Amino acid sequence: MAANPSAPEVVAGVIWQAANESGDRLRFRAGPDAKALLDERKAKSKADFFGGLKGMMDG
């Protein structure tokens, strides 16, 4: 995931879109890395997902 982060321009575009959103949308995916992370979150239990993130952070 960290090996292929979204380009800054992609993230900036999504931030602009979110800031100018007139609806009630709360979440915006900023590129394929965010999509992969959120898809993984949906596919796993809360404990497994956050345990995996913790494992990545601990090295």
N, C-alpha and C. Protein backbone atom coordinates (compact mmCIF):
# COMPACT_ATOMS: atom_id res chain seq x y z
N MET A 1 0.82 -1.18 0.00
CA MET A 1 0.00 0.00 0.00
C MET A 1 0.87 1.25 0.00
N ALA A 2 1.82 1.36 0.90
CA ALA A 2 2.68 2.54 0.97
C ALA A 2 3.64 2.61 -0.21
N ALA A 3 3.82 1.50 -0.90
CA ALA A 3 4.73 1.48 -2.03
C ALA A 3 4.16 2.22 -3.24
N ASN A 4 2.84 2.34 -3.32
CA ASN A 4 2.19 2.99 -4.46
C ASN A 4 1.17 4.03 -4.00
N PRO A 5 1.62 5.07 -3.31
CA PRO A 5 0.66 6.07 -2.83
C PRO A 5 0.10 6.89 -3.99
N SER A 6 -1.05 7.47 -3.76
CA SER A 6 -1.67 8.34 -4.76
C SER A 6 -0.83 9.60 -4.94
N ALA A 7 -0.82 10.10 -6.16
CA ALA A 7 -0.08 11.33 -6.45
C ALA A 7 -0.70 12.50 -5.69
N PRO A 8 0.11 13.46 -5.29
CA PRO A 8 -0.41 14.62 -4.56
C PRO A 8 -1.53 15.33 -5.31
N GLU A 9 -1.44 15.36 -6.63
CA GLU A 9 -2.48 16.01 -7.43
C GLU A 9 -3.83 15.30 -7.30
N VAL A 10 -3.78 13.99 -7.20
CA VAL A 10 -5.01 13.21 -7.03
C VAL A 10 -5.63 13.53 -5.67
N VAL A 11 -4.81 13.52 -4.65
CA VAL A 11 -5.31 13.81 -3.30
C VAL A 11 -5.84 15.23 -3.22
N ALA A 12 -5.12 16.18 -3.80
CA ALA A 12 -5.58 17.57 -3.79
C ALA A 12 -6.92 17.71 -4.51
N GLY A 13 -7.09 17.00 -5.60
CA GLY A 13 -8.35 17.05 -6.33
C GLY A 13 -9.51 16.51 -5.50
N VAL A 14 -9.26 15.45 -4.77
CA VAL A 14 -10.31 14.87 -3.93
C VAL A 14 -10.62 15.80 -2.75
N ILE A 15 -9.61 16.42 -2.19
CA ILE A 15 -9.85 17.39 -1.12
C ILE A 15 -10.68 18.55 -1.64
N TRP A 16 -10.37 19.04 -2.83
CA TRP A 16 -11.15 20.13 -3.43
C TRP A 16 -12.60 19.69 -3.62
N GLN A 17 -12.77 18.48 -4.13
CA GLN A 17 -14.12 17.94 -4.34
C GLN A 17 -14.88 17.87 -3.02
N ALA A 18 -14.23 17.38 -1.97
CA ALA A 18 -14.88 17.26 -0.67
C ALA A 18 -15.24 18.62 -0.09
N ALA A 19 -14.33 19.58 -0.25
CA ALA A 19 -14.58 20.92 0.29
C ALA A 19 -15.73 21.61 -0.42
N ASN A 20 -15.97 21.25 -1.65
CA ASN A 20 -17.02 21.88 -2.45
C ASN A 20 -18.27 21.02 -2.58
N GLU A 21 -18.32 19.94 -1.86
CA GLU A 21 -19.47 19.04 -1.89
C GLU A 21 -20.69 19.74 -1.29
N SER A 22 -21.79 19.72 -2.00
CA SER A 22 -23.00 20.37 -1.48
C SER A 22 -23.95 19.37 -0.83
N GLY A 23 -23.66 18.11 -0.96
CA GLY A 23 -24.52 17.08 -0.39
C GLY A 23 -24.09 16.70 1.02
N ASP A 24 -24.48 15.51 1.42
CA ASP A 24 -24.17 15.05 2.77
C ASP A 24 -23.12 13.93 2.78
N ARG A 25 -22.37 13.82 1.73
CA ARG A 25 -21.33 12.79 1.61
C ARG A 25 -20.21 13.09 2.59
N LEU A 26 -19.76 12.05 3.32
CA LEU A 26 -18.72 12.24 4.33
C LEU A 26 -17.38 11.63 3.96
N ARG A 27 -17.37 10.64 3.09
CA ARG A 27 -16.13 9.94 2.78
C ARG A 27 -15.81 10.03 1.30
N PHE A 28 -14.53 10.24 1.02
CA PHE A 28 -14.04 10.36 -0.34
C PHE A 28 -12.78 9.52 -0.45
N ARG A 29 -12.69 8.72 -1.49
CA ARG A 29 -11.49 7.91 -1.72
C ARG A 29 -10.52 8.71 -2.56
N ALA A 30 -9.29 8.77 -2.12
CA ALA A 30 -8.28 9.57 -2.83
C ALA A 30 -7.29 8.66 -3.54
N GLY A 31 -7.74 7.98 -4.57
CA GLY A 31 -6.85 7.18 -5.39
C GLY A 31 -6.96 5.69 -5.13
N PRO A 32 -6.24 4.91 -5.93
CA PRO A 32 -6.34 3.45 -5.84
C PRO A 32 -5.83 2.89 -4.52
N ASP A 33 -4.87 3.55 -3.88
CA ASP A 33 -4.38 3.04 -2.59
C ASP A 33 -5.46 3.16 -1.52
N ALA A 34 -6.22 4.24 -1.55
CA ALA A 34 -7.32 4.41 -0.59
C ALA A 34 -8.42 3.41 -0.88
N LYS A 35 -8.71 3.16 -2.14
CA LYS A 35 -9.73 2.17 -2.50
C LYS A 35 -9.33 0.80 -1.99
N ALA A 36 -8.07 0.43 -2.17
CA ALA A 36 -7.60 -0.88 -1.71
C ALA A 36 -7.72 -0.99 -0.19
N LEU A 37 -7.34 0.06 0.52
CA LEU A 37 -7.41 0.05 1.98
C LEU A 37 -8.86 -0.09 2.45
N LEU A 38 -9.76 0.68 1.85
CA LEU A 38 -11.16 0.62 2.26
C LEU A 38 -11.82 -0.69 1.86
N ASP A 39 -11.43 -1.25 0.73
CA ASP A 39 -11.95 -2.56 0.34
C ASP A 39 -11.48 -3.63 1.31
N GLU A 40 -10.23 -3.52 1.74
CA GLU A 40 -9.70 -4.47 2.73
C GLU A 40 -10.46 -4.34 4.05
N ARG A 41 -10.75 -3.11 4.43
CA ARG A 41 -11.50 -2.87 5.67
C ARG A 41 -12.87 -3.54 5.62
N LYS A 42 -13.54 -3.46 4.48
CA LYS A 42 -14.86 -4.08 4.34
C LYS A 42 -14.78 -5.61 4.39
N ALA A 43 -13.67 -6.16 3.91
CA ALA A 43 -13.54 -7.61 3.79
C ALA A 43 -13.12 -8.30 5.09
N LYS A 44 -12.59 -7.54 6.03
CA LYS A 44 -12.07 -8.13 7.27
C LYS A 44 -12.88 -7.70 8.48
N SER A 45 -12.71 -8.46 9.55
CA SER A 45 -13.31 -8.03 10.81
C SER A 45 -12.53 -6.82 11.32
N LYS A 46 -13.16 -6.08 12.20
CA LYS A 46 -12.51 -4.90 12.78
C LYS A 46 -11.18 -5.28 13.44
N ALA A 47 -11.19 -6.35 14.22
CA ALA A 47 -9.98 -6.78 14.93
C ALA A 47 -8.87 -7.17 13.96
N ASP A 48 -9.22 -7.91 12.91
CA ASP A 48 -8.20 -8.33 11.93
C ASP A 48 -7.64 -7.14 11.16
N PHE A 49 -8.52 -6.23 10.75
CA PHE A 49 -8.07 -5.08 9.99
C PHE A 49 -7.13 -4.20 10.81
N PHE A 50 -7.56 -3.84 12.00
CA PHE A 50 -6.74 -2.95 12.82
C PHE A 50 -5.50 -3.66 13.36
N GLY A 51 -5.60 -4.96 13.57
CA GLY A 51 -4.42 -5.73 13.95
C GLY A 51 -3.37 -5.72 12.85
N GLY A 52 -3.83 -5.82 11.59
CA GLY A 52 -2.91 -5.75 10.46
C GLY A 52 -2.27 -4.38 10.32
N LEU A 53 -3.04 -3.32 10.53
CA LEU A 53 -2.48 -1.97 10.48
C LEU A 53 -1.44 -1.79 11.59
N LYS A 54 -1.77 -2.27 12.78
CA LYS A 54 -0.83 -2.16 13.89
C LYS A 54 0.47 -2.90 13.56
N GLY A 55 0.32 -4.08 12.96
CA GLY A 55 1.51 -4.86 12.58
C GLY A 55 2.38 -4.11 11.57
N MET A 56 1.75 -3.39 10.63
CA MET A 56 2.52 -2.60 9.66
C MET A 56 3.24 -1.45 10.34
N MET A 57 2.61 -0.84 11.32
CA MET A 57 3.20 0.30 12.01
C MET A 57 4.35 -0.12 12.92
N ASP A 58 4.22 -1.31 13.50
CA ASP A 58 5.25 -1.81 14.42
C ASP A 58 6.49 -2.30 13.68
N GLY A 59 6.33 -2.55 12.38
CA GLY A 59 7.47 -2.96 11.57
C GLY A 59 7.65 -4.39 11.59
